[in-house]
Amino acid sequence: MGDFGAETSGVCAAISRVGHFHLGSAMDTGRVLAENGMTSTISAADAAIRAAANRRLDTLTKPLGALGRLEPLAAQVCAVQRTLTPAISHPVAVVFAGDHGVADRGVSAYPRAVTEQMVKNFLNGGAAINVLARLQGMELWIVDAGVDGDCGSHPRLIAAKIRRGTRDLSVEAAMSAAECRAALERGAQVIDQVIPRGGNTVVLGEMGIGNTASAALLMHGLTGLPLADCIGRGTGLDDAGLKRKRDVLAAAFARRPAPQAAEELLAEFGGYEIAMLVGALLGAAAHRSLIIVDGFTVTVAAALAARIEPCVLDYCVFGHCSAEHAHRALLSHLRAEPLLDLGMRLGEGSGAAVALSVVRAAVDLFTRMATFEGAGVSERIA
């Protein structure tokens, strides 16, 4: 797709129309999104449909609750899609990529040049997410949110770059308020652009050397959990590297009072790919799409989106628990149960893509299993 929106009806025009995009309280976010021509108001998933789905689950030819967590998962999909005949249709995977100025402080085991290199690997079809997207029959899109390099042009690349990497958050705000607003807008508009007609499922992933450092600060600001508990080894730091990362992030958080508003926290410590993920989550929820959330960094984006609009979480399925140190604690804070726990820590949307198989299984069991009455099977004796 080359330039962002160049072949997408109305997307460039929508960006240019938006003067100021202010995300305020949860109560007015849907209105603000709609006023800026980005998305419709985000509504809660349908509680009545969820209740009806749970009643149907109890009539299927199995002991009550025998399918374990597949049962509430199926009911969630029904509630999101507002139907008792759910289906996973035309799923898409979107990987947002961006660089971080703080990466130059040694908070990652890899240089930030790897972000650009991995984007090109995605476009050449050689990464884990490419393999999994093919396996799952998903369209895969790569978004240059702020890569410090030239990613070129490619039919599956959306060039939405805000800047060539964020500023060094250890000494100044990672992005300006205007840049943060632009990233949020573009993230929502990417969703408008990539969801095909009849599509209802989005897998979200990220790529960005240094982004677990950014995500750790955001998690700390959102949850109030001790900063040390929010910091992990990322791409595989050794003990000395982990200590350096902790020191750099402690200094970053100490340089100013922690912002309380989600968008201010995001501008101070976030990344362009994280901000676009937040916008994408809001946009996908407004589309009433099921959102399969990947690992630590995408879960931080989901937490930020939920701070802005709590109903977003109705649409989120948390695909897996990452091996990244803080992810389990963040999931607990969100009261979210991941579908899988495989020790993965790759990013790219890879864990979410694997989890899509579980979602499909839950939906097929719900829609294809016989009921006791239909199969002529005796029900449990009271």
Protein backbone atom coordinates (compact mmCIF):
# COMPACT_ATOMS: atom_id res chain seq x y z
CA MET A 1 0.00 0.00 0.00
CA GLY A 2 2.99 2.30 0.15
CA ASP A 3 2.01 5.67 1.64
CA PHE A 4 -0.53 5.56 4.46
CA GLY A 5 -4.01 5.65 2.99
CA ALA A 6 -2.85 6.34 -0.57
CA GLU A 7 -5.14 3.60 -1.85
CA THR A 8 -7.74 3.79 0.89
CA SER A 9 -10.91 5.75 0.43
CA GLY A 10 -11.10 8.73 2.73
CA VAL A 11 -8.29 7.81 5.14
CA CYS A 12 -5.83 10.57 4.17
CA ALA A 13 -8.71 13.02 4.07
CA ALA A 14 -9.83 11.92 7.52
CA ILE A 15 -6.35 12.54 8.94
CA SER A 16 -6.09 15.97 7.37
CA ARG A 17 -9.55 16.95 8.66
CA VAL A 18 -8.66 16.26 12.28
CA GLY A 19 -7.25 19.35 13.93
CA HIS A 20 -7.15 18.33 17.57
CA PHE A 21 -7.93 14.84 18.77
CA HIS A 22 -8.34 14.92 22.52
CA LEU A 23 -9.04 11.71 24.39
CA GLY A 24 -10.73 12.66 27.60
CA SER A 25 -12.66 10.62 30.12
CA ALA A 26 -14.14 7.22 29.40
CA MET A 27 -17.57 8.85 29.19
CA ASP A 28 -16.77 11.17 26.31
CA THR A 29 -14.25 9.12 24.34
CA GLY A 30 -16.78 7.51 22.00
CA ARG A 31 -18.28 10.92 21.25
CA VAL A 32 -14.86 12.45 20.55
CA LEU A 33 -13.90 9.57 18.25
CA ALA A 34 -17.15 9.95 16.33
CA GLU A 35 -16.79 13.74 16.07
CA ASN A 36 -13.38 13.30 14.49
CA GLY A 37 -14.74 10.95 11.85
CA MET A 38 -12.69 8.01 13.07
CA THR A 39 -15.04 5.51 14.65
CA SER A 40 -18.50 5.14 16.04
CA THR A 41 -19.29 5.08 19.73
CA ILE A 42 -17.96 2.00 21.51
CA SER A 43 -20.73 0.07 23.21
CA ALA A 44 -20.54 -2.85 25.60
CA ALA A 45 -20.83 -6.38 24.29
CA ASP A 46 -24.37 -7.76 24.45
CA ALA A 47 -25.00 -9.14 27.94
CA ALA A 48 -28.35 -10.69 26.97
CA ILE A 49 -26.73 -12.62 24.12
CA ARG A 50 -23.98 -13.77 26.48
CA ALA A 51 -26.59 -15.08 28.91
CA ALA A 52 -28.44 -16.87 26.10
CA ALA A 53 -25.15 -18.39 24.90
CA ASN A 54 -24.46 -19.70 28.40
CA ARG A 55 -27.92 -21.29 28.48
CA ARG A 56 -27.28 -22.98 25.14
CA LEU A 57 -23.91 -24.26 26.36
CA ASP A 58 -25.71 -26.01 29.20
CA THR A 59 -27.91 -27.89 26.68
CA LEU A 60 -25.03 -29.35 24.65
CA THR A 61 -24.19 -33.05 24.89
CA LYS A 62 -21.62 -32.80 27.67
CA PRO A 63 -21.55 -32.47 31.44
CA LEU A 64 -22.09 -28.93 32.68
CA GLY A 65 -18.89 -26.90 32.29
CA ALA A 66 -17.00 -29.84 30.77
CA LEU A 67 -15.42 -27.68 28.07
CA GLY A 68 -13.80 -25.52 30.72
CA ARG A 69 -12.74 -22.06 29.60
CA LEU A 70 -13.84 -22.72 26.05
CA GLU A 71 -17.38 -22.15 27.27
CA PRO A 72 -17.09 -18.55 28.50
CA LEU A 73 -14.89 -17.88 25.47
CA ALA A 74 -17.65 -19.01 23.12
CA ALA A 75 -20.17 -16.92 25.05
CA GLN A 76 -17.86 -13.89 24.77
CA VAL A 77 -17.62 -14.27 21.00
CA CYS A 78 -21.43 -14.48 20.82
CA ALA A 79 -21.74 -11.32 22.93
CA VAL A 80 -19.22 -9.44 20.79
CA GLN A 81 -20.87 -10.51 17.53
CA ARG A 82 -24.38 -10.14 18.99
CA THR A 83 -25.52 -13.51 17.67
CA LEU A 84 -25.99 -17.12 18.71
CA THR A 85 -24.50 -18.24 15.40
CA PRO A 86 -20.96 -16.84 15.78
CA ALA A 87 -18.18 -17.31 13.25
CA ILE A 88 -14.59 -16.22 12.79
CA SER A 89 -14.67 -14.49 9.41
CA HIS A 90 -11.78 -13.09 7.38
CA PRO A 91 -9.37 -12.55 10.31
CA VAL A 92 -6.57 -10.05 9.84
CA ALA A 93 -3.28 -9.66 11.70
CA VAL A 94 -1.72 -6.22 12.09
CA VAL A 95 1.83 -5.68 13.36
CA PHE A 96 2.72 -2.11 14.35
CA ALA A 97 6.46 -1.32 14.28
CA GLY A 98 8.36 1.59 15.79
CA ASP A 99 11.69 2.53 17.30
CA HIS A 100 12.51 3.99 20.70
CA GLY A 101 15.17 6.58 21.50
CA VAL A 102 15.77 4.95 24.88
CA ALA A 103 17.08 1.85 23.09
CA ASP A 104 20.39 3.68 22.75
CA ARG A 105 20.73 3.46 26.55
CA GLY A 106 21.29 -0.30 26.37
CA VAL A 107 17.86 -1.38 27.58
CA SER A 108 17.67 -4.12 24.95
CA ALA A 109 19.93 -7.00 23.99
CA TYR A 110 19.65 -5.90 20.33
CA PRO A 111 20.41 -2.64 18.50
CA ARG A 112 17.42 -0.71 17.25
CA ALA A 113 18.47 -1.34 13.64
CA VAL A 114 16.83 -4.73 14.18
CA THR A 115 13.37 -3.11 14.04
CA GLU A 116 13.83 -2.08 10.41
CA GLN A 117 15.48 -5.39 9.59
CA MET A 118 12.59 -7.35 11.08
CA VAL A 119 10.02 -5.24 9.20
CA LYS A 120 11.77 -6.26 6.00
CA ASN A 121 11.76 -9.86 7.19
CA PHE A 122 8.00 -9.62 7.71
CA LEU A 123 7.57 -8.22 4.22
CA ASN A 124 9.73 -11.01 2.79
CA GLY A 125 7.60 -13.62 4.54
CA GLY A 126 10.31 -15.05 6.77
CA ALA A 127 9.14 -14.32 10.33
CA ALA A 128 7.11 -16.41 12.76
CA ILE A 129 4.02 -14.27 12.23
CA ASN A 130 4.21 -14.91 8.48
CA VAL A 131 4.19 -18.66 9.08
CA LEU A 132 1.31 -18.41 11.55
CA ALA A 133 -0.71 -16.03 9.38
CA ARG A 134 -0.48 -18.50 6.50
CA LEU A 135 -1.44 -21.35 8.82
CA GLN A 136 -4.47 -19.43 10.09
CA GLY A 137 -5.53 -18.05 6.72
CA MET A 138 -5.09 -14.48 7.94
CA GLU A 139 -4.26 -11.42 5.93
CA LEU A 140 -1.13 -9.84 7.42
CA TRP A 141 -0.43 -6.12 7.45
CA ILE A 142 2.72 -4.38 8.67
CA VAL A 143 2.47 -0.77 9.83
CA ASP A 144 5.50 1.52 9.95
CA ALA A 145 4.44 3.60 12.94
CA GLY A 146 7.85 5.13 13.60
CA VAL A 147 10.70 2.95 12.38
CA ASP A 148 14.10 4.65 12.36
CA GLY A 149 14.78 3.73 8.76
CA ASP A 150 13.29 3.45 5.30
CA CYS A 151 11.09 0.38 5.06
CA GLY A 152 10.49 0.96 1.35
CA SER A 153 7.19 0.10 -0.28
CA HIS A 154 5.31 -3.17 -0.32
CA PRO A 155 1.68 -4.19 -0.92
CA ARG A 156 1.41 -5.29 2.73
CA LEU A 157 3.17 -2.29 4.27
CA ILE A 158 1.20 0.69 5.56
CA ALA A 159 3.51 3.68 5.84
CA ALA A 160 2.06 5.62 8.77
CA LYS A 161 5.35 6.89 10.20
CA ILE A 162 5.04 9.72 12.71
CA ARG A 163 8.79 10.21 13.22
CA ARG A 164 11.95 8.11 12.93
CA GLY A 165 11.73 6.76 16.45
CA THR A 166 10.63 8.40 19.69
CA ARG A 167 12.82 10.70 21.71
CA ASP A 168 14.86 9.31 24.59
CA LEU A 169 12.26 8.99 27.34
CA SER A 170 14.98 8.86 29.99
CA VAL A 171 15.62 12.60 29.49
CA GLU A 172 12.46 14.00 27.86
CA ALA A 173 8.97 13.07 26.73
CA ALA A 174 8.98 10.27 24.17
CA MET A 175 6.60 12.15 21.89
CA SER A 176 4.75 15.43 21.76
CA ALA A 177 1.05 15.62 22.51
CA ALA A 178 0.37 16.28 18.82
CA GLU A 179 2.42 13.25 17.77
CA CYS A 180 0.59 11.09 20.27
CA ARG A 181 -2.78 12.27 18.96
CA ALA A 182 -1.67 11.60 15.38
CA ALA A 183 -0.56 8.08 16.30
CA LEU A 184 -3.86 7.34 18.04
CA GLU A 185 -5.80 8.58 15.01
CA ARG A 186 -3.74 6.58 12.56
CA GLY A 187 -4.05 3.42 14.59
CA ALA A 188 -7.84 3.61 14.43
CA GLN A 189 -7.73 4.46 10.75
CA VAL A 190 -5.50 1.49 10.00
CA ILE A 191 -8.28 -0.71 11.35
CA ASP A 192 -10.77 1.05 9.07
CA GLN A 193 -8.39 0.35 6.21
CA VAL A 194 -7.57 -3.31 6.75
CA ILE A 195 -10.78 -4.97 7.97
CA PRO A 196 -12.28 -6.59 4.87
CA ARG A 197 -15.98 -6.66 4.11
CA GLY A 198 -17.46 -9.26 6.40
CA GLY A 199 -14.33 -9.42 8.56
CA ASN A 200 -14.86 -9.64 12.30
CA THR A 201 -11.56 -10.65 13.96
CA VAL A 202 -8.29 -8.75 14.44
CA VAL A 203 -4.98 -10.11 15.77
CA LEU A 204 -2.72 -7.35 17.08
CA GLY A 205 1.07 -7.52 17.37
CA GLU A 206 4.10 -5.23 17.58
CA MET A 207 7.76 -4.94 16.76
CA GLY A 208 10.11 -2.40 18.30
CA ILE A 209 13.50 -2.75 19.93
CA GLY A 210 13.22 -1.13 23.35
CA ASN A 211 9.45 -1.29 23.56
CA THR A 212 9.34 -3.47 26.69
CA ALA A 213 11.15 -0.62 28.45
CA SER A 214 8.45 1.78 27.33
CA ALA A 215 5.73 -0.74 28.21
CA ALA A 216 7.19 -1.23 31.71
CA LEU A 217 6.96 2.50 32.46
CA LEU A 218 3.42 2.63 31.11
CA MET A 219 2.42 -0.37 33.20
CA HIS A 220 3.92 1.21 36.31
CA GLY A 221 2.04 4.44 35.66
CA LEU A 222 -1.24 2.64 35.01
CA THR A 223 -1.17 0.09 37.82
CA GLY A 224 0.95 1.61 40.57
CA LEU A 225 2.79 -1.71 40.91
CA PRO A 226 6.48 -1.31 41.87
CA LEU A 227 8.56 -0.34 38.86
CA ALA A 228 10.98 -3.23 39.41
CA ASP A 229 8.04 -5.64 39.11
CA CYS A 230 7.14 -4.13 35.74
CA ILE A 231 10.60 -4.58 34.18
CA GLY A 232 11.72 -7.79 32.52
CA ARG A 233 14.52 -9.05 30.31
CA GLY A 234 12.78 -8.19 27.05
CA THR A 235 14.72 -9.71 24.18
CA GLY A 236 16.99 -11.58 26.58
CA LEU A 237 19.07 -9.20 28.68
CA ASP A 238 21.65 -10.73 31.00
CA ASP A 239 21.80 -9.72 34.67
CA ALA A 240 23.99 -6.69 33.99
CA GLY A 241 21.69 -5.57 31.19
CA LEU A 242 18.62 -6.00 33.37
CA LYS A 243 20.18 -3.85 36.10
CA ARG A 244 21.03 -1.18 33.53
CA LYS A 245 17.46 -1.25 32.23
CA ARG A 246 16.07 -0.86 35.75
CA ASP A 247 18.39 2.07 36.47
CA VAL A 248 17.53 3.86 33.21
CA LEU A 249 13.78 3.43 33.73
CA ALA A 250 13.91 4.48 37.38
CA ALA A 251 15.66 7.70 36.33
CA ALA A 252 13.09 8.23 33.57
CA PHE A 253 10.15 7.91 35.91
CA ALA A 254 11.79 10.12 38.53
CA ARG A 255 12.33 13.08 36.21
CA ARG A 256 8.73 14.33 36.49
CA PRO A 257 5.50 13.56 38.38
CA ALA A 258 3.70 10.66 36.77
CA PRO A 259 0.88 11.79 34.46
CA GLN A 260 -2.54 10.54 35.46
CA ALA A 261 -4.38 10.80 32.14
CA ALA A 262 -3.77 7.85 29.81
CA GLU A 263 -2.92 9.98 26.79
CA GLU A 264 -0.42 12.09 28.77
CA LEU A 265 1.23 8.97 30.17
CA LEU A 266 1.43 7.55 26.66
CA ALA A 267 3.04 10.71 25.27
CA GLU A 268 5.56 10.80 28.10
CA PHE A 269 6.72 7.17 28.08
CA GLY A 270 5.13 5.46 25.10
CA GLY A 271 6.11 4.54 21.58
CA TYR A 272 4.51 5.32 18.26
CA GLU A 273 3.65 1.67 17.72
CA ILE A 274 2.11 1.46 21.21
CA ALA A 275 0.03 4.60 20.61
CA MET A 276 -1.18 3.21 17.29
CA LEU A 277 -2.06 -0.05 19.02
CA VAL A 278 -4.20 1.92 21.48
CA GLY A 279 -5.96 3.61 18.57
CA ALA A 280 -6.33 0.25 16.83
CA LEU A 281 -7.93 -1.29 19.91
CA LEU A 282 -10.42 1.56 20.14
CA GLY A 283 -11.10 1.36 16.42
CA ALA A 284 -11.56 -2.42 16.38
CA ALA A 285 -13.94 -2.26 19.34
CA ALA A 286 -15.93 0.43 17.57
CA HIS A 287 -16.16 -1.95 14.60
CA ARG A 288 -17.43 -4.61 17.05
CA SER A 289 -14.56 -6.86 16.04
CA LEU A 290 -13.16 -9.57 18.24
CA ILE A 291 -9.61 -8.52 19.22
CA ILE A 292 -6.98 -11.18 19.94
CA VAL A 293 -4.36 -9.50 22.11
CA ASP A 294 -0.76 -10.70 21.95
CA GLY A 295 1.87 -10.40 24.68
CA PHE A 296 3.14 -7.84 27.16
CA THR A 297 3.37 -4.72 25.02
CA VAL A 298 0.00 -5.21 23.33
CA THR A 299 -1.57 -5.91 26.73
CA VAL A 300 -0.17 -2.58 27.98
CA ALA A 301 -1.84 -0.94 24.98
CA ALA A 302 -5.09 -2.71 25.90
CA ALA A 303 -4.79 -1.40 29.46
CA LEU A 304 -4.33 2.13 28.14
CA ALA A 305 -7.30 1.75 25.78
CA ALA A 306 -9.39 0.45 28.69
CA ARG A 307 -8.41 3.46 30.81
CA ILE A 308 -9.80 5.60 27.98
CA GLU A 309 -12.85 3.42 27.26
CA PRO A 310 -13.49 0.47 29.60
CA CYS A 311 -15.83 -1.29 27.15
CA VAL A 312 -12.81 -2.10 24.97
CA LEU A 313 -12.04 -5.06 27.22
CA ASP A 314 -15.37 -6.68 26.28
CA TYR A 315 -13.90 -7.21 22.82
CA CYS A 316 -10.47 -8.47 23.91
CA VAL A 317 -9.38 -12.08 24.11
CA PHE A 318 -5.93 -12.29 25.71
CA GLY A 319 -4.17 -14.88 23.62
CA HIS A 320 -1.34 -15.96 25.86
CA CYS A 321 0.77 -15.17 28.89
CA SER A 322 4.20 -14.06 27.78
CA ALA A 323 7.39 -15.18 29.48
CA GLU A 324 8.18 -11.47 29.88
CA HIS A 325 8.45 -10.88 33.62
CA ALA A 326 5.56 -8.48 34.15
CA HIS A 327 2.91 -9.82 31.83
CA ARG A 328 1.27 -12.16 34.33
CA ALA A 329 0.91 -9.36 36.88
CA LEU A 330 -0.59 -7.04 34.27
CA LEU A 331 -3.10 -9.67 33.19
CA SER A 332 -4.05 -10.14 36.84
CA HIS A 333 -4.51 -6.38 37.23
CA LEU A 334 -6.88 -6.44 34.24
CA ARG A 335 -8.63 -9.55 35.64
CA ALA A 336 -7.89 -11.22 32.33
CA GLU A 337 -7.17 -14.90 31.85
CA PRO A 338 -4.91 -15.71 28.90
CA LEU A 339 -5.88 -18.66 26.74
CA LEU A 340 -2.36 -20.09 26.50
CA ASP A 341 0.80 -20.17 28.57
CA LEU A 342 3.54 -21.55 26.31
CA GLY A 343 6.54 -19.56 27.50
CA MET A 344 6.49 -17.47 24.32
CA ARG A 345 8.06 -13.99 24.29
CA LEU A 346 8.52 -13.21 20.61
CA GLY A 347 5.95 -10.51 19.98
CA GLU A 348 4.84 -9.95 16.37
CA GLY A 349 1.36 -11.17 17.28
CA SER A 350 2.71 -14.72 17.31
CA GLY A 351 1.09 -15.85 20.57
CA ALA A 352 -2.24 -14.32 19.56
CA ALA A 353 -2.06 -16.07 16.20
CA VAL A 354 -1.58 -19.43 17.90
CA ALA A 355 -4.47 -18.64 20.24
CA LEU A 356 -6.78 -18.01 17.30
CA SER A 357 -6.98 -21.80 16.89
CA VAL A 358 -8.45 -22.03 20.40
CA VAL A 359 -10.99 -19.32 19.62
CA ARG A 360 -12.02 -21.16 16.46
CA ALA A 361 -12.39 -24.40 18.43
CA ALA A 362 -14.65 -22.69 20.98
CA VAL A 363 -16.85 -21.23 18.24
CA ASP A 364 -17.13 -24.51 16.33
CA LEU A 365 -17.99 -26.48 19.46
CA PHE A 366 -20.69 -23.96 20.31
CA THR A 367 -22.26 -23.98 16.85
CA ARG A 368 -21.79 -27.62 15.79
CA MET A 369 -22.32 -29.75 18.89
CA ALA A 370 -25.70 -31.38 19.27
CA THR A 371 -28.02 -30.62 22.14
CA PHE A 372 -29.28 -33.38 24.46
CA GLU A 373 -32.74 -33.05 22.95
CA GLY A 374 -31.54 -33.00 19.36
CA ALA A 375 -29.30 -36.04 19.80
CA GLY A 376 -31.74 -38.04 21.88
CA VAL A 377 -29.23 -38.26 24.74
CA SER A 378 -30.48 -38.43 28.30
CA GLU A 379 -29.59 -35.46 30.46
CA ARG A 380 -28.11 -35.65 33.94
CA ILE A 381 -30.38 -36.90 36.68
CA ALA A 382 -31.12 -34.00 39.02
